């Protein structure tokens, strides 16, 4: 009887340990799933911001935008054709 009790206790502790392992694994899986969702949301926000920045960069680099800012803020004007000197390579 004593040996059967020991085997039963060992089996019971193995079942309880296994159950705790399953609970822990499920908890970690859910936590990782939530973290993955948050990281995917961050990725989507970064992709959207990157697209906005690319559009802004293209707009800022546009020649007409640069020219209008040079006129407004720096008081620059395009030189007259008579003043332009074209230098050619020999």
C-alpha atoms as a PDB file:
ATOM      1  CA  UNK A   1       0.000   0.000   0.000  1.00  0.00           C
ATOM      2  CA  UNK A   2       2.819   2.355   0.819  1.00  0.00           C
ATOM      3  CA  UNK A   3       4.399   1.942  -2.648  1.00  0.00           C
ATOM      4  CA  UNK A   4       1.037   2.569  -4.346  1.00  0.00           C
ATOM      5  CA  UNK A   5       0.615   5.764  -2.340  1.00  0.00           C
ATOM      6  CA  UNK A   6       4.076   6.965  -3.376  1.00  0.00           C
ATOM      7  CA  UNK A   7       3.364   6.211  -7.053  1.00  0.00           C
ATOM      8  CA  UNK A   8      -0.002   7.985  -6.759  1.00  0.00           C
ATOM      9  CA  UNK A   9       1.599  11.056  -5.167  1.00  0.00           C
ATOM     10  CA  UNK A  10       4.298  11.150  -7.853  1.00  0.00           C
ATOM     11  CA  UNK A  11       1.657  10.874 -10.588  1.00  0.00           C
ATOM     12  CA  UNK A  12      -0.469  13.566  -8.922  1.00  0.00           C
ATOM     13  CA  UNK A  13       2.502  15.928  -8.638  1.00  0.00           C
ATOM     14  CA  UNK A  14       3.367  15.269 -12.297  1.00  0.00           C
ATOM     15  CA  UNK A  15      -0.208  16.078 -13.355  1.00  0.00           C
ATOM     16  CA  UNK A  16      -0.265  19.256 -11.253  1.00  0.00           C
ATOM     17  CA  UNK A  17       3.136  20.327 -12.615  1.00  0.00           C
ATOM     18  CA  UNK A  18       1.948  19.674 -16.145  1.00  0.00           C
ATOM     19  CA  UNK A  19      -1.249  21.674 -15.552  1.00  0.00           C
ATOM     20  CA  UNK A  20       0.742  24.595 -14.154  1.00  0.00           C
ATOM     21  CA  UNK A  21       3.024  24.434 -17.183  1.00  0.00           C
ATOM     22  CA  UNK A  22       0.026  24.593 -19.514  1.00  0.00           C
ATOM     23  CA  UNK A  23      -1.437  27.565 -17.612  1.00  0.00           C
ATOM     24  CA  UNK A  24       1.897  29.409 -17.706  1.00  0.00           C
ATOM     25  CA  UNK A  25       2.385  28.683 -21.407  1.00  0.00           C
ATOM     26  CA  UNK A  26      -1.108  29.936 -22.262  1.00  0.00           C
ATOM     27  CA  UNK A  27      -0.551  33.080 -20.215  1.00  0.00           C
ATOM     28  CA  UNK A  28       2.746  33.791 -21.977  1.00  0.00           C
ATOM     29  CA  UNK A  29       1.133  33.114 -25.338  1.00  0.00           C
ATOM     30  CA  UNK A  30      -1.646  35.622 -24.639  1.00  0.00           C
ATOM     31  CA  UNK A  31       0.846  38.201 -23.365  1.00  0.00           C
ATOM     32  CA  UNK A  32       3.002  37.759 -26.459  1.00  0.00           C
ATOM     33  CA  UNK A  33      -0.067  38.011 -28.674  1.00  0.00           C
ATOM     34  CA  UNK A  34      -1.084  41.314 -27.064  1.00  0.00           C
ATOM     35  CA  UNK A  35       2.466  42.637 -27.413  1.00  0.00           C
ATOM     36  CA  UNK A  36       2.529  41.589 -31.060  1.00  0.00           C
ATOM     37  CA  UNK A  37      -0.707  43.498 -31.679  1.00  0.00           C
ATOM     38  CA  UNK A  38       0.750  46.629 -30.085  1.00  0.00           C
ATOM     39  CA  UNK A  39       3.940  46.337 -32.115  1.00  0.00           C
ATOM     40  CA  UNK A  40       1.961  45.861 -35.331  1.00  0.00           C
ATOM     41  CA  UNK A  41      -0.009  49.028 -34.520  1.00  0.00           C
ATOM     42  CA  UNK A  42       3.260  50.899 -33.961  1.00  0.00           C
ATOM     43  CA  UNK A  43       4.607  49.556 -37.256  1.00  0.00           C
ATOM     44  CA  UNK A  44       1.512  50.760 -39.092  1.00  0.00           C
ATOM     45  CA  UNK A  45       1.854  54.210 -37.491  1.00  0.00           C
ATOM     46  CA  UNK A  46       5.520  54.377 -38.503  1.00  0.00           C
ATOM     47  CA  UNK A  47       4.704  53.359 -42.071  1.00  0.00           C
ATOM     48  CA  UNK A  48       2.022  56.067 -42.270  1.00  0.00           C
ATOM     49  CA  UNK A  49       4.416  58.663 -40.819  1.00  0.00           C
ATOM     50  CA  UNK A  50       7.128  57.604 -43.288  1.00  0.00           C
ATOM     51  CA  UNK A  51       4.692  58.073 -46.185  1.00  0.00           C
ATOM     52  CA  UNK A  52       3.738  61.531 -44.904  1.00  0.00           C
ATOM     53  CA  UNK A  53       7.408  62.473 -44.553  1.00  0.00           C
ATOM     54  CA  UNK A  54       8.205  61.292 -48.074  1.00  0.00           C
ATOM     55  CA  UNK A  55       5.351  63.411 -49.445  1.00  0.00           C
ATOM     56  CA  UNK A  56       6.520  66.406 -47.422  1.00  0.00           C
ATOM     57  CA  UNK A  57      10.095  65.948 -48.624  1.00  0.00           C
ATOM     58  CA  UNK A  58       8.963  65.776 -52.250  1.00  0.00           C
ATOM     59  CA  UNK A  59       6.855  68.905 -51.769  1.00  0.00           C
ATOM     60  CA  UNK A  60       9.700  70.803 -50.085  1.00  0.00           C
ATOM     61  CA  UNK A  61      12.155  69.803 -52.814  1.00  0.00           C
ATOM     62  CA  UNK A  62       9.827  70.894 -55.619  1.00  0.00           C
ATOM     63  CA  UNK A  63      11.408  73.732 -57.616  1.00  0.00           C
ATOM     64  CA  UNK A  64       8.297  75.914 -57.552  1.00  0.00           C
ATOM     65  CA  UNK A  65       8.083  75.615 -53.768  1.00  0.00           C
ATOM     66  CA  UNK A  66      11.763  76.488 -53.345  1.00  0.00           C
ATOM     67  CA  UNK A  67      11.377  79.452 -55.700  1.00  0.00           C
ATOM     68  CA  UNK A  68       8.298  80.804 -53.897  1.00  0.00           C
ATOM     69  CA  UNK A  69      10.018  80.511 -50.497  1.00  0.00           C
ATOM     70  CA  UNK A  70      13.122  82.257 -51.884  1.00  0.00           C
ATOM     71  CA  UNK A  71      10.947  85.107 -53.143  1.00  0.00           C
ATOM     72  CA  UNK A  72       8.845  85.413 -49.971  1.00  0.00           C
ATOM     73  CA  UNK A  73      11.431  84.988 -47.225  1.00  0.00           C
ATOM     74  CA  UNK A  74      14.703  86.011 -48.842  1.00  0.00           C
ATOM     75  CA  UNK A  75      13.496  88.593 -51.337  1.00  0.00           C
ATOM     76  CA  UNK A  76      15.261  86.765 -54.158  1.00  0.00           C
ATOM     77  CA  UNK A  77      14.331  87.171 -57.791  1.00  0.00           C
ATOM     78  CA  UNK A  78      15.293  85.334 -60.944  1.00  0.00           C
ATOM     79  CA  UNK A  79      18.066  87.169 -62.811  1.00  0.00           C
ATOM     80  CA  UNK A  80      17.267  88.848 -66.091  1.00  0.00           C
ATOM     81  CA  UNK A  81      18.396  86.994 -69.206  1.00  0.00           C
ATOM     82  CA  UNK A  82      20.936  89.714 -70.026  1.00  0.00           C
ATOM     83  CA  UNK A  83      22.716  89.094 -66.724  1.00  0.00           C
ATOM     84  CA  UNK A  84      22.961  85.321 -67.117  1.00  0.00           C
ATOM     85  CA  UNK A  85      26.352  84.118 -68.301  1.00  0.00           C
ATOM     86  CA  UNK A  86      26.568  80.620 -69.762  1.00  0.00           C
ATOM     87  CA  UNK A  87      29.926  78.925 -69.316  1.00  0.00           C
ATOM     88  CA  UNK A  88      30.727  76.089 -71.695  1.00  0.00           C
ATOM     89  CA  UNK A  89      33.360  73.430 -71.313  1.00  0.00           C
ATOM     90  CA  UNK A  90      36.288  73.826 -73.717  1.00  0.00           C
END
